[in-house]
Amino acid sequence: MSTIPGNENALSKNAVRVTTTSALHPDLFGAAPEPMATSTPSAGQEISQPLYTLIAEQPFFKGLSVLQLQLLTASALEMRFVEGQEIFAEGSPANRFYLILEGKVILASEVAERGTIAIQTLGPGDDLGWSWIFPPYYLHMSARAVEPTRTIFFFGERLREQCEMDHEFGYQIMKRIAHATTKCLHATQQRLAKCADTSEHSH
């Protein structure tokens, strides 16, 4: 199976692209997307019905309208990762995000004098890579599959533009990302506090 044309270096080397649509621009991943006239999918834009159905079934997107689900589908594809594969690295551009369908992913961060610290383990239904919607658009953690993992991949830059053009769509996406962000920050605080406590007792 092939990766996204023209963006092979932007994705993890062994990631497998499962489903895509003709609506995806080949340079969306590595560069800013071309402006769109409206936030509505154009008449000639093909939407993958199986992918649309898969996205509509996810609790994370519950409550979105048909049009909003179509906007998501137009910027999405299904992707798999093998056990041990890096999904993204801390500090890299935040231009995509994932929704986990199957498997487990561990989030980790570099901590001064302690090296890489595991922060949180995510599983089916969890959102991965929320930094795409917040400036300066850089990833604050790294992510690695700890078992074979199946995801829906979304082009963050394309969706960010859609959010700016369609404020209701942006509000709906922001609500969901904010909830995921709060959970991640809470997990980070707990993990760092535990690390600090362990460090104090070791001296």
N, C-alpha and C. Protein backbone atom coordinates (compact mmCIF):
# COMPACT_ATOMS: atom_id res chain seq x y z
N MET A 1 0.85 -1.19 0.00
CA MET A 1 0.00 0.00 0.00
C MET A 1 0.89 1.24 0.00
N SER A 2 0.42 2.36 -0.57
CA SER A 2 1.25 3.55 -0.69
C SER A 2 0.87 4.57 0.36
N THR A 3 1.80 5.53 0.58
CA THR A 3 1.50 6.64 1.47
C THR A 3 0.99 7.79 0.62
N ILE A 4 0.72 8.94 1.25
CA ILE A 4 0.16 10.07 0.55
C ILE A 4 1.14 10.57 -0.50
N PRO A 5 0.75 10.72 -1.77
CA PRO A 5 1.65 11.16 -2.82
C PRO A 5 2.28 12.50 -2.47
N GLY A 6 3.60 12.58 -2.65
CA GLY A 6 4.32 13.82 -2.44
C GLY A 6 4.61 14.13 -0.99
N ASN A 7 4.18 13.26 -0.05
CA ASN A 7 4.38 13.55 1.37
C ASN A 7 4.92 12.35 2.10
N GLU A 8 5.70 11.52 1.43
CA GLU A 8 6.19 10.29 2.04
C GLU A 8 6.99 10.54 3.29
N ASN A 9 7.75 11.66 3.32
CA ASN A 9 8.62 11.93 4.46
C ASN A 9 7.85 12.47 5.65
N ALA A 10 6.62 12.93 5.43
CA ALA A 10 5.86 13.52 6.52
C ALA A 10 5.18 12.48 7.39
N LEU A 11 4.99 11.27 6.85
CA LEU A 11 4.32 10.22 7.60
C LEU A 11 5.33 9.23 8.12
N SER A 12 4.96 8.48 9.14
CA SER A 12 5.82 7.40 9.62
C SER A 12 6.06 6.42 8.48
N LYS A 13 7.24 5.89 8.38
CA LYS A 13 7.64 5.12 7.22
C LYS A 13 6.77 3.90 6.95
N ASN A 14 6.29 3.24 8.00
CA ASN A 14 5.55 2.01 7.80
C ASN A 14 4.05 2.15 7.90
N ALA A 15 3.54 3.39 8.03
CA ALA A 15 2.10 3.60 8.13
C ALA A 15 1.45 3.17 6.83
N VAL A 16 0.30 2.55 6.93
CA VAL A 16 -0.41 2.05 5.75
C VAL A 16 -1.65 2.87 5.53
N ARG A 17 -1.79 3.44 4.35
CA ARG A 17 -2.99 4.16 4.01
C ARG A 17 -4.02 3.16 3.51
N VAL A 18 -5.20 3.14 4.13
CA VAL A 18 -6.20 2.15 3.79
C VAL A 18 -7.27 2.73 2.88
N THR A 19 -7.80 3.91 3.23
CA THR A 19 -8.89 4.49 2.48
C THR A 19 -8.61 5.95 2.24
N THR A 20 -8.93 6.46 1.07
CA THR A 20 -8.79 7.87 0.77
C THR A 20 -9.89 8.28 -0.18
N THR A 21 -9.95 9.57 -0.53
CA THR A 21 -10.91 10.05 -1.51
C THR A 21 -10.18 10.94 -2.48
N SER A 22 -10.79 11.17 -3.64
CA SER A 22 -10.17 12.01 -4.65
C SER A 22 -10.17 13.46 -4.25
N ALA A 23 -10.85 13.83 -3.16
CA ALA A 23 -10.91 15.21 -2.73
C ALA A 23 -9.63 15.68 -2.07
N LEU A 24 -8.75 14.79 -1.66
CA LEU A 24 -7.55 15.18 -0.92
C LEU A 24 -6.51 15.78 -1.84
N HIS A 25 -6.02 16.96 -1.49
CA HIS A 25 -4.96 17.61 -2.25
C HIS A 25 -3.63 16.94 -1.90
N PRO A 26 -2.76 16.62 -2.87
CA PRO A 26 -1.53 15.89 -2.57
C PRO A 26 -0.56 16.64 -1.70
N ASP A 27 -0.70 17.99 -1.59
CA ASP A 27 0.26 18.75 -0.80
C ASP A 27 -0.31 19.22 0.53
N LEU A 28 -1.49 18.72 0.90
CA LEU A 28 -2.12 19.21 2.12
C LEU A 28 -1.29 18.92 3.35
N PHE A 29 -0.58 17.83 3.36
CA PHE A 29 0.12 17.42 4.58
C PHE A 29 1.36 18.25 4.83
N GLY A 30 2.10 18.58 3.76
CA GLY A 30 3.35 19.26 3.96
C GLY A 30 3.29 20.75 3.78
N ALA A 31 2.17 21.29 3.24
CA ALA A 31 2.08 22.72 3.00
C ALA A 31 0.67 23.18 3.26
N ALA A 32 0.51 24.52 3.30
CA ALA A 32 -0.82 25.06 3.54
C ALA A 32 -1.75 24.70 2.40
N PRO A 33 -3.01 24.34 2.71
CA PRO A 33 -3.95 23.96 1.67
C PRO A 33 -4.37 25.14 0.83
N GLU A 34 -4.84 24.88 -0.39
CA GLU A 34 -5.34 25.93 -1.24
C GLU A 34 -6.66 26.45 -0.69
N PRO A 35 -6.89 27.77 -0.76
CA PRO A 35 -8.14 28.33 -0.24
C PRO A 35 -9.34 27.72 -0.95
N MET A 36 -10.43 27.55 -0.21
CA MET A 36 -11.66 27.04 -0.78
C MET A 36 -12.69 28.15 -0.81
N ALA A 37 -13.54 28.16 -1.84
CA ALA A 37 -14.51 29.22 -2.00
C ALA A 37 -15.54 29.21 -0.88
N THR A 38 -16.00 28.02 -0.46
CA THR A 38 -16.97 27.91 0.60
C THR A 38 -16.59 26.73 1.47
N SER A 39 -17.31 26.58 2.59
CA SER A 39 -17.04 25.46 3.47
C SER A 39 -17.84 24.23 3.07
N THR A 40 -18.68 24.33 2.04
CA THR A 40 -19.48 23.21 1.59
C THR A 40 -18.72 22.39 0.58
N PRO A 41 -18.67 21.06 0.69
CA PRO A 41 -18.00 20.25 -0.32
C PRO A 41 -18.57 20.54 -1.70
N SER A 42 -17.71 20.72 -2.69
CA SER A 42 -18.16 21.09 -4.02
C SER A 42 -18.91 19.95 -4.67
N ALA A 43 -19.65 20.28 -5.73
CA ALA A 43 -20.49 19.30 -6.41
C ALA A 43 -19.67 18.16 -6.99
N GLY A 44 -18.44 18.46 -7.42
CA GLY A 44 -17.61 17.44 -8.04
C GLY A 44 -16.74 16.69 -7.05
N GLN A 45 -16.87 17.01 -5.79
CA GLN A 45 -16.02 16.40 -4.77
C GLN A 45 -16.62 15.07 -4.33
N GLU A 46 -15.85 14.01 -4.46
CA GLU A 46 -16.34 12.69 -4.09
C GLU A 46 -16.10 12.43 -2.61
N ILE A 47 -17.09 11.89 -1.96
CA ILE A 47 -17.00 11.52 -0.55
C ILE A 47 -17.09 10.00 -0.45
N SER A 48 -16.12 9.40 0.22
CA SER A 48 -16.14 7.95 0.41
C SER A 48 -17.26 7.58 1.38
N GLN A 49 -18.27 6.88 0.90
CA GLN A 49 -19.39 6.52 1.76
C GLN A 49 -18.97 5.61 2.92
N PRO A 50 -18.14 4.58 2.69
CA PRO A 50 -17.72 3.75 3.83
C PRO A 50 -16.97 4.56 4.89
N LEU A 51 -16.12 5.49 4.44
CA LEU A 51 -15.37 6.31 5.41
C LEU A 51 -16.31 7.28 6.12
N TYR A 52 -17.25 7.85 5.38
CA TYR A 52 -18.25 8.73 5.99
C TYR A 52 -19.02 7.99 7.09
N THR A 53 -19.46 6.78 6.78
CA THR A 53 -20.21 5.99 7.74
C THR A 53 -19.37 5.67 8.97
N LEU A 54 -18.10 5.33 8.74
CA LEU A 54 -17.19 5.02 9.85
C LEU A 54 -17.03 6.23 10.77
N ILE A 55 -16.85 7.41 10.19
CA ILE A 55 -16.69 8.63 10.98
C ILE A 55 -17.98 8.95 11.73
N ALA A 56 -19.12 8.81 11.06
CA ALA A 56 -20.41 9.13 11.67
C ALA A 56 -20.71 8.21 12.85
N GLU A 57 -20.15 7.01 12.85
CA GLU A 57 -20.40 6.05 13.93
C GLU A 57 -19.58 6.33 15.19
N GLN A 58 -18.58 7.19 15.09
CA GLN A 58 -17.69 7.42 16.22
C GLN A 58 -18.33 8.33 17.27
N PRO A 59 -18.33 7.92 18.54
CA PRO A 59 -18.90 8.75 19.60
C PRO A 59 -18.26 10.15 19.66
N PHE A 60 -16.98 10.25 19.29
CA PHE A 60 -16.28 11.53 19.34
C PHE A 60 -16.98 12.58 18.46
N PHE A 61 -17.63 12.13 17.38
CA PHE A 61 -18.27 13.05 16.44
C PHE A 61 -19.79 13.04 16.56
N LYS A 62 -20.32 12.45 17.62
CA LYS A 62 -21.75 12.41 17.82
C LYS A 62 -22.32 13.82 17.90
N GLY A 63 -23.43 14.05 17.21
CA GLY A 63 -24.08 15.36 17.23
C GLY A 63 -23.73 16.26 16.07
N LEU A 64 -22.75 15.87 15.25
CA LEU A 64 -22.40 16.68 14.09
C LEU A 64 -23.44 16.48 12.98
N SER A 65 -23.65 17.51 12.18
CA SER A 65 -24.61 17.44 11.08
C SER A 65 -24.02 16.64 9.92
N VAL A 66 -24.87 16.31 8.96
CA VAL A 66 -24.42 15.58 7.76
C VAL A 66 -23.34 16.38 7.05
N LEU A 67 -23.54 17.67 6.88
CA LEU A 67 -22.55 18.51 6.20
C LEU A 67 -21.22 18.52 6.95
N GLN A 68 -21.28 18.64 8.27
CA GLN A 68 -20.05 18.66 9.07
C GLN A 68 -19.31 17.34 8.98
N LEU A 69 -20.05 16.24 8.95
CA LEU A 69 -19.42 14.93 8.78
C LEU A 69 -18.82 14.79 7.39
N GLN A 70 -19.45 15.39 6.40
CA GLN A 70 -18.90 15.38 5.05
C GLN A 70 -17.59 16.16 4.99
N LEU A 71 -17.52 17.29 5.69
CA LEU A 71 -16.29 18.08 5.73
C LEU A 71 -15.15 17.27 6.35
N LEU A 72 -15.45 16.55 7.42
CA LEU A 72 -14.44 15.69 8.04
C LEU A 72 -13.99 14.59 7.08
N THR A 73 -14.95 13.96 6.42
CA THR A 73 -14.64 12.85 5.53
C THR A 73 -13.77 13.30 4.36
N ALA A 74 -14.00 14.51 3.87
CA ALA A 74 -13.24 15.02 2.73
C ALA A 74 -11.77 15.25 3.07
N SER A 75 -11.45 15.29 4.36
CA SER A 75 -10.06 15.51 4.79
C SER A 75 -9.55 14.34 5.62
N ALA A 76 -10.04 13.14 5.33
CA ALA A 76 -9.69 11.99 6.16
C ALA A 76 -9.32 10.77 5.33
N LEU A 77 -8.63 9.85 5.96
CA LEU A 77 -8.36 8.53 5.40
C LEU A 77 -8.07 7.58 6.55
N GLU A 78 -8.20 6.31 6.28
CA GLU A 78 -7.93 5.32 7.32
C GLU A 78 -6.46 4.93 7.26
N MET A 79 -5.84 4.77 8.43
CA MET A 79 -4.42 4.48 8.49
C MET A 79 -4.12 3.50 9.62
N ARG A 80 -3.19 2.59 9.38
CA ARG A 80 -2.79 1.60 10.38
C ARG A 80 -1.31 1.76 10.75
N PHE A 81 -0.99 1.39 11.97
CA PHE A 81 0.39 1.43 12.46
C PHE A 81 0.73 0.09 13.09
N VAL A 82 1.97 -0.34 12.89
CA VAL A 82 2.41 -1.61 13.46
C VAL A 82 2.90 -1.39 14.88
N GLU A 83 3.00 -2.45 15.64
CA GLU A 83 3.48 -2.36 17.02
C GLU A 83 4.87 -1.73 17.08
N GLY A 84 5.03 -0.76 17.95
CA GLY A 84 6.30 -0.10 18.13
C GLY A 84 6.56 1.05 17.18
N GLN A 85 5.66 1.32 16.26
CA GLN A 85 5.89 2.37 15.26
C GLN A 85 5.60 3.75 15.81
N GLU A 86 6.49 4.69 15.54
CA GLU A 86 6.26 6.07 15.94
C GLU A 86 5.21 6.70 15.04
N ILE A 87 4.22 7.34 15.65
CA ILE A 87 3.15 7.99 14.89
C ILE A 87 3.52 9.45 14.62
N PHE A 88 4.04 10.12 15.64
CA PHE A 88 4.61 11.45 15.44
C PHE A 88 5.59 11.74 16.57
N ALA A 89 6.45 12.74 16.33
CA ALA A 89 7.51 13.08 17.28
C ALA A 89 7.25 14.43 17.93
N GLU A 90 7.61 14.54 19.18
CA GLU A 90 7.49 15.79 19.92
C GLU A 90 8.28 16.89 19.21
N GLY A 91 7.66 18.06 19.05
CA GLY A 91 8.32 19.19 18.41
C GLY A 91 8.09 19.28 16.92
N SER A 92 7.49 18.27 16.31
CA SER A 92 7.24 18.31 14.87
C SER A 92 5.98 19.12 14.59
N PRO A 93 5.80 19.61 13.35
CA PRO A 93 4.62 20.41 13.02
C PRO A 93 3.31 19.67 13.30
N ALA A 94 2.36 20.36 13.92
CA ALA A 94 1.06 19.76 14.22
C ALA A 94 0.11 20.05 13.06
N ASN A 95 0.16 19.19 12.06
CA ASN A 95 -0.67 19.41 10.88
C ASN A 95 -1.59 18.24 10.59
N ARG A 96 -1.81 17.38 11.58
CA ARG A 96 -2.74 16.26 11.42
C ARG A 96 -3.18 15.78 12.79
N PHE A 97 -4.26 15.02 12.81
CA PHE A 97 -4.64 14.34 14.05
C PHE A 97 -5.31 13.02 13.70
N TYR A 98 -5.49 12.21 14.71
CA TYR A 98 -6.01 10.86 14.51
C TYR A 98 -7.12 10.57 15.50
N LEU A 99 -8.02 9.68 15.10
CA LEU A 99 -8.99 9.10 16.01
C LEU A 99 -8.71 7.60 16.03
N ILE A 100 -8.44 7.07 17.21
CA ILE A 100 -8.06 5.66 17.32
C ILE A 100 -9.31 4.78 17.23
N LEU A 101 -9.27 3.81 16.34
CA LEU A 101 -10.36 2.84 16.18
C LEU A 101 -10.06 1.54 16.91
N GLU A 102 -8.84 1.07 16.79
CA GLU A 102 -8.41 -0.18 17.41
C GLU A 102 -6.96 -0.02 17.85
N GLY A 103 -6.58 -0.74 18.92
CA GLY A 103 -5.19 -0.72 19.37
C GLY A 103 -4.95 0.23 20.52
N LYS A 104 -3.66 0.45 20.82
CA LYS A 104 -3.26 1.33 21.91
C LYS A 104 -2.07 2.18 21.49
N VAL A 105 -2.07 3.41 21.97
CA VAL A 105 -1.00 4.37 21.66
C VAL A 105 -0.53 4.99 22.96
N ILE A 106 0.77 5.12 23.12
CA ILE A 106 1.33 5.75 24.32
C ILE A 106 1.84 7.14 23.97
N LEU A 107 1.47 8.12 24.79
CA LEU A 107 1.98 9.48 24.66
C LEU A 107 3.14 9.65 25.62
N ALA A 108 4.20 10.30 25.14
CA ALA A 108 5.39 10.49 25.97
C ALA A 108 5.95 11.88 25.75
N SER A 109 6.72 12.36 26.71
CA SER A 109 7.32 13.69 26.60
C SER A 109 8.72 13.69 27.18
N GLU A 110 9.57 14.54 26.63
CA GLU A 110 10.93 14.69 27.14
C GLU A 110 10.92 15.61 28.37
N VAL A 111 11.48 15.12 29.47
CA VAL A 111 11.55 15.90 30.69
C VAL A 111 13.01 16.09 31.07
N ALA A 112 13.39 17.32 31.38
CA ALA A 112 14.78 17.63 31.70
C ALA A 112 15.30 16.73 32.81
N GLU A 113 16.47 16.16 32.60
CA GLU A 113 17.19 15.31 33.56
C GLU A 113 16.51 13.96 33.81
N ARG A 114 15.39 13.70 33.12
CA ARG A 114 14.72 12.42 33.33
C ARG A 114 14.49 11.66 32.02
N GLY A 115 14.76 12.33 30.91
CA GLY A 115 14.59 11.69 29.62
C GLY A 115 13.13 11.59 29.22
N THR A 116 12.78 10.57 28.47
CA THR A 116 11.42 10.39 27.97
C THR A 116 10.53 9.78 29.04
N ILE A 117 9.42 10.45 29.32
CA ILE A 117 8.47 10.00 30.33
C ILE A 117 7.14 9.63 29.66
N ALA A 118 6.66 8.42 29.93
CA ALA A 118 5.34 8.02 29.42
C ALA A 118 4.27 8.79 30.18
N ILE A 119 3.37 9.45 29.45
CA ILE A 119 2.35 10.30 30.06
C ILE A 119 0.99 9.62 30.14
N GLN A 120 0.55 9.03 29.03
CA GLN A 120 -0.81 8.53 28.96
C GLN A 120 -0.91 7.45 27.89
N THR A 121 -1.75 6.46 28.12
CA THR A 121 -2.04 5.44 27.11
C THR A 121 -3.45 5.65 26.58
N LEU A 122 -3.57 5.75 25.27
CA LEU A 122 -4.85 6.01 24.62
C LEU A 122 -5.33 4.76 23.90
N GLY A 123 -6.64 4.65 23.75
CA GLY A 123 -7.22 3.49 23.08
C GLY A 123 -8.38 3.87 22.19
N PRO A 124 -9.18 2.91 21.77
CA PRO A 124 -10.29 3.16 20.85
C PRO A 124 -11.21 4.29 21.32
N GLY A 125 -11.50 5.21 20.39
CA GLY A 125 -12.37 6.34 20.68
C GLY A 125 -11.63 7.59 21.09
N ASP A 126 -10.33 7.47 21.38
CA ASP A 126 -9.54 8.63 21.82
C ASP A 126 -9.00 9.42 20.63
N ASP A 127 -8.92 10.73 20.83
CA ASP A 127 -8.36 11.65 19.85
C ASP A 127 -6.86 11.78 20.11
N LEU A 128 -6.09 11.85 19.05
CA LEU A 128 -4.63 11.87 19.16
C LEU A 128 -4.05 12.99 18.30
N GLY A 129 -3.32 13.92 18.94
CA GLY A 129 -2.67 14.99 18.18
C GLY A 129 -3.48 16.26 18.10
N TRP A 130 -3.97 16.77 19.24
CA TRP A 130 -4.86 17.92 19.24
C TRP A 130 -4.16 19.26 19.02
N SER A 131 -2.84 19.29 18.97
CA SER A 131 -2.11 20.56 18.84
C SER A 131 -2.32 21.24 17.48
N TRP A 132 -2.91 20.54 16.52
CA TRP A 132 -3.13 21.12 15.19
C TRP A 132 -4.04 22.34 15.21
N ILE A 133 -4.85 22.48 16.25
CA ILE A 133 -5.82 23.58 16.27
C ILE A 133 -5.35 24.77 17.11
N PHE A 134 -4.23 24.63 17.83
CA PHE A 134 -3.74 25.69 18.71
C PHE A 134 -2.37 26.19 18.24
N PRO A 135 -2.22 27.54 18.05
CA PRO A 135 -0.90 28.08 17.74
C PRO A 135 0.07 27.72 18.86
N PRO A 136 1.36 27.53 18.58
CA PRO A 136 2.04 27.72 17.29
C PRO A 136 2.04 26.48 16.39
N TYR A 137 1.14 25.53 16.63
CA TYR A 137 0.96 24.35 15.78
C TYR A 137 2.19 23.43 15.76
N TYR A 138 2.67 23.14 16.96
CA TYR A 138 3.74 22.14 17.12
C TYR A 138 3.30 21.11 18.15
N LEU A 139 3.68 19.87 17.92
CA LEU A 139 3.27 18.78 18.81
C LEU A 139 4.05 18.84 20.12
N HIS A 140 3.34 18.70 21.23
CA HIS A 140 3.95 18.82 22.55
C HIS A 140 4.37 17.47 23.13
N MET A 141 3.99 16.40 22.46
CA MET A 141 4.36 15.06 22.91
C MET A 141 4.66 14.18 21.69
N SER A 142 5.24 13.03 21.97
CA SER A 142 5.44 12.03 20.92
C SER A 142 4.41 10.94 21.12
N ALA A 143 4.13 10.18 20.06
CA ALA A 143 3.14 9.10 20.14
C ALA A 143 3.69 7.87 19.43
N ARG A 144 3.46 6.71 20.05
CA ARG A 144 3.95 5.46 19.49
C ARG A 144 2.89 4.36 19.72
N ALA A 145 2.68 3.55 18.70
CA ALA A 145 1.74 2.43 18.82
C ALA A 145 2.38 1.33 19.67
N VAL A 146 1.68 0.87 20.69
CA VAL A 146 2.21 -0.20 21.54
C VAL A 146 1.65 -1.56 21.14
N GLU A 147 0.73 -1.54 20.18
CA GLU A 147 0.21 -2.75 19.57
C GLU A 147 -0.36 -2.35 18.21
N PRO A 148 -0.63 -3.31 17.32
CA PRO A 148 -1.20 -2.93 16.02
C PRO A 148 -2.40 -2.00 16.21
N THR A 149 -2.35 -0.86 15.53
CA THR A 149 -3.33 0.20 15.77
C THR A 149 -3.95 0.68 14.47
N ARG A 150 -5.25 0.81 14.48
CA ARG A 150 -6.02 1.30 13.33
C ARG A 150 -6.61 2.65 13.69
N THR A 151 -6.47 3.62 12.80
CA THR A 151 -6.92 4.98 13.08
C THR A 151 -7.62 5.59 11.88
N ILE A 152 -8.32 6.69 12.14
CA ILE A 152 -8.74 7.60 11.07
C ILE A 152 -7.81 8.80 11.15
N PHE A 153 -7.16 9.08 10.05
CA PHE A 153 -6.21 10.19 9.94
C PHE A 153 -6.94 11.39 9.35
N PHE A 154 -6.73 12.59 9.93
CA PHE A 154 -7.35 13.82 9.42
C PHE A 154 -6.27 14.85 9.11
N PHE A 155 -6.42 15.54 7.99
CA PHE A 155 -5.52 16.63 7.63
C PHE A 155 -5.88 17.85 8.47
N GLY A 156 -5.07 18.16 9.48
CA GLY A 156 -5.38 19.25 10.40
C GLY A 156 -5.41 20.61 9.74
N GLU A 157 -4.48 20.88 8.83
CA GLU A 157 -4.42 22.19 8.20
C GLU A 157 -5.69 22.46 7.39
N ARG A 158 -6.14 21.46 6.68
CA ARG A 158 -7.36 21.60 5.89
C ARG A 158 -8.57 21.86 6.81
N LEU A 159 -8.67 21.11 7.89
CA LEU A 159 -9.79 21.29 8.80
C LEU A 159 -9.71 22.62 9.55
N ARG A 160 -8.50 23.06 9.86
CA ARG A 160 -8.35 24.36 10.53
C ARG A 160 -8.89 25.48 9.65
N GLU A 161 -8.65 25.38 8.37
CA GLU A 161 -9.18 26.37 7.44
C GLU A 161 -10.71 26.30 7.38
N GLN A 162 -11.22 25.07 7.39
CA GLN A 162 -12.67 24.90 7.38
C GLN A 162 -13.29 25.49 8.65
N CYS A 163 -12.63 25.30 9.78
CA CYS A 163 -13.12 25.84 11.04
C CYS A 163 -13.17 27.37 11.01
N GLU A 164 -12.20 27.99 10.36
CA GLU A 164 -12.16 29.44 10.27
C GLU A 164 -13.26 29.97 9.35
N MET A 165 -13.61 29.21 8.33
CA MET A 165 -14.66 29.65 7.40
C MET A 165 -16.06 29.35 7.92
N ASP A 166 -16.21 28.26 8.65
CA ASP A 166 -17.50 27.83 9.17
C ASP A 166 -17.41 27.80 10.69
N HIS A 167 -17.86 28.87 11.34
CA HIS A 167 -17.67 29.00 12.78
C HIS A 167 -18.45 27.98 13.58
N GLU A 168 -19.60 27.55 13.10
CA GLU A 168 -20.35 26.52 13.81
C GLU A 168 -19.59 25.19 13.78
N PHE A 169 -19.04 24.87 12.63
CA PHE A 169 -18.21 23.67 12.50
C PHE A 169 -17.01 23.78 13.43
N GLY A 170 -16.37 24.96 13.43
CA GLY A 170 -15.21 25.18 14.29
C GLY A 170 -15.56 25.03 15.76
N TYR A 171 -16.74 25.54 16.15
CA TYR A 171 -17.17 25.45 17.55
C TYR A 171 -17.37 23.99 17.95
N GLN A 172 -18.00 23.21 17.08
CA GLN A 172 -18.24 21.80 17.38
C GLN A 172 -16.94 21.02 17.52
N ILE A 173 -15.99 21.30 16.63
CA ILE A 173 -14.69 20.62 16.71
C ILE A 173 -13.92 21.07 17.94
N MET A 174 -13.96 22.37 18.23
CA MET A 174 -13.23 22.90 19.38
C MET A 174 -13.75 22.30 20.69
N LYS A 175 -15.06 22.13 20.81
CA LYS A 175 -15.62 21.52 22.03
C LYS A 175 -15.03 20.14 22.27
N ARG A 176 -14.93 19.37 21.21
CA ARG A 176 -14.44 18.00 21.34
C ARG A 176 -12.94 17.97 21.62
N ILE A 177 -12.19 18.84 20.95
CA ILE A 177 -10.75 18.90 21.17
C ILE A 177 -10.44 19.42 22.58
N ALA A 178 -11.22 20.41 23.03
CA ALA A 178 -10.99 20.97 24.37
C ALA A 178 -11.18 19.90 25.45
N HIS A 179 -12.19 19.06 25.28
CA HIS A 179 -12.42 17.98 26.24
C HIS A 179 -11.24 17.02 26.27
N ALA A 180 -10.75 16.64 25.06
CA ALA A 180 -9.61 15.73 24.98
C ALA A 180 -8.35 16.38 25.58
N THR A 181 -8.19 17.69 25.34
CA THR A 181 -7.03 18.42 25.85
C THR A 181 -7.03 18.45 27.38
N THR A 182 -8.21 18.69 27.95
CA THR A 182 -8.33 18.73 29.41
C THR A 182 -7.94 17.40 30.03
N LYS A 183 -8.40 16.30 29.44
CA LYS A 183 -8.05 14.97 29.94
C LYS A 183 -6.55 14.73 29.85
N CYS A 184 -5.94 15.17 28.73
CA CYS A 184 -4.51 14.96 28.55
C CYS A 184 -3.70 15.79 29.55
N LEU A 185 -4.11 17.04 29.77
CA LEU A 185 -3.39 17.89 30.72
C LEU A 185 -3.49 17.33 32.14
N HIS A 186 -4.65 16.79 32.47
CA HIS A 186 -4.83 16.19 33.80
C HIS A 186 -3.91 14.99 33.96
N ALA A 187 -3.84 14.15 32.91
CA ALA A 187 -2.96 12.98 32.95
C ALA A 187 -1.49 13.40 33.06
N THR A 188 -1.14 14.48 32.37
CA THR A 188 0.23 14.99 32.41
C THR A 188 0.59 15.47 33.80
N GLN A 189 -0.31 16.23 34.43
CA GLN A 189 -0.06 16.74 35.78
C GLN A 189 0.13 15.60 36.77
N GLN A 190 -0.72 14.59 36.67
CA GLN A 190 -0.61 13.45 37.58
C GLN A 190 0.71 12.71 37.38
N ARG A 191 1.08 12.52 36.12
CA ARG A 191 2.31 11.78 35.83
C ARG A 191 3.54 12.54 36.30
N LEU A 192 3.59 13.84 36.05
CA LEU A 192 4.75 14.64 36.46
C LEU A 192 4.83 14.74 37.98
N ALA A 193 3.67 14.83 38.63
CA ALA A 193 3.67 14.87 40.10
C ALA A 193 4.21 13.56 40.67
N LYS A 194 3.85 12.45 40.05
CA LYS A 194 4.33 11.15 40.49
C LYS A 194 5.84 11.03 40.29
N CYS A 195 6.32 11.56 39.15
CA CYS A 195 7.76 11.55 38.88
C CYS A 195 8.52 12.40 39.89
N ALA A 196 7.94 13.57 40.24
CA ALA A 196 8.59 14.44 41.20
C ALA A 196 8.65 13.78 42.57
N ASP A 197 7.57 13.09 42.96
CA ASP A 197 7.52 12.41 44.25
C ASP A 197 8.54 11.28 44.31
N THR A 198 8.66 10.55 43.20
CA THR A 198 9.65 9.47 43.13
C THR A 198 11.07 10.00 43.23
N SER A 199 11.30 11.16 42.59
CA SER A 199 12.63 11.77 42.61
C SER A 199 13.01 12.22 44.02
N GLU A 200 12.03 12.79 44.76
CA GLU A 200 12.30 13.25 46.14
C GLU A 200 12.66 12.09 47.05
N HIS A 201 11.95 10.96 46.88
CA HIS A 201 12.19 9.82 47.76
C HIS A 201 13.49 9.09 47.42
N SER A 202 14.03 9.36 46.24
CA SER A 202 15.27 8.68 45.85
C SER A 202 16.51 9.39 46.38
N HIS A 203 16.31 10.60 46.92
CA HIS A 203 17.45 11.36 47.45
C HIS A 203 17.55 11.19 48.97
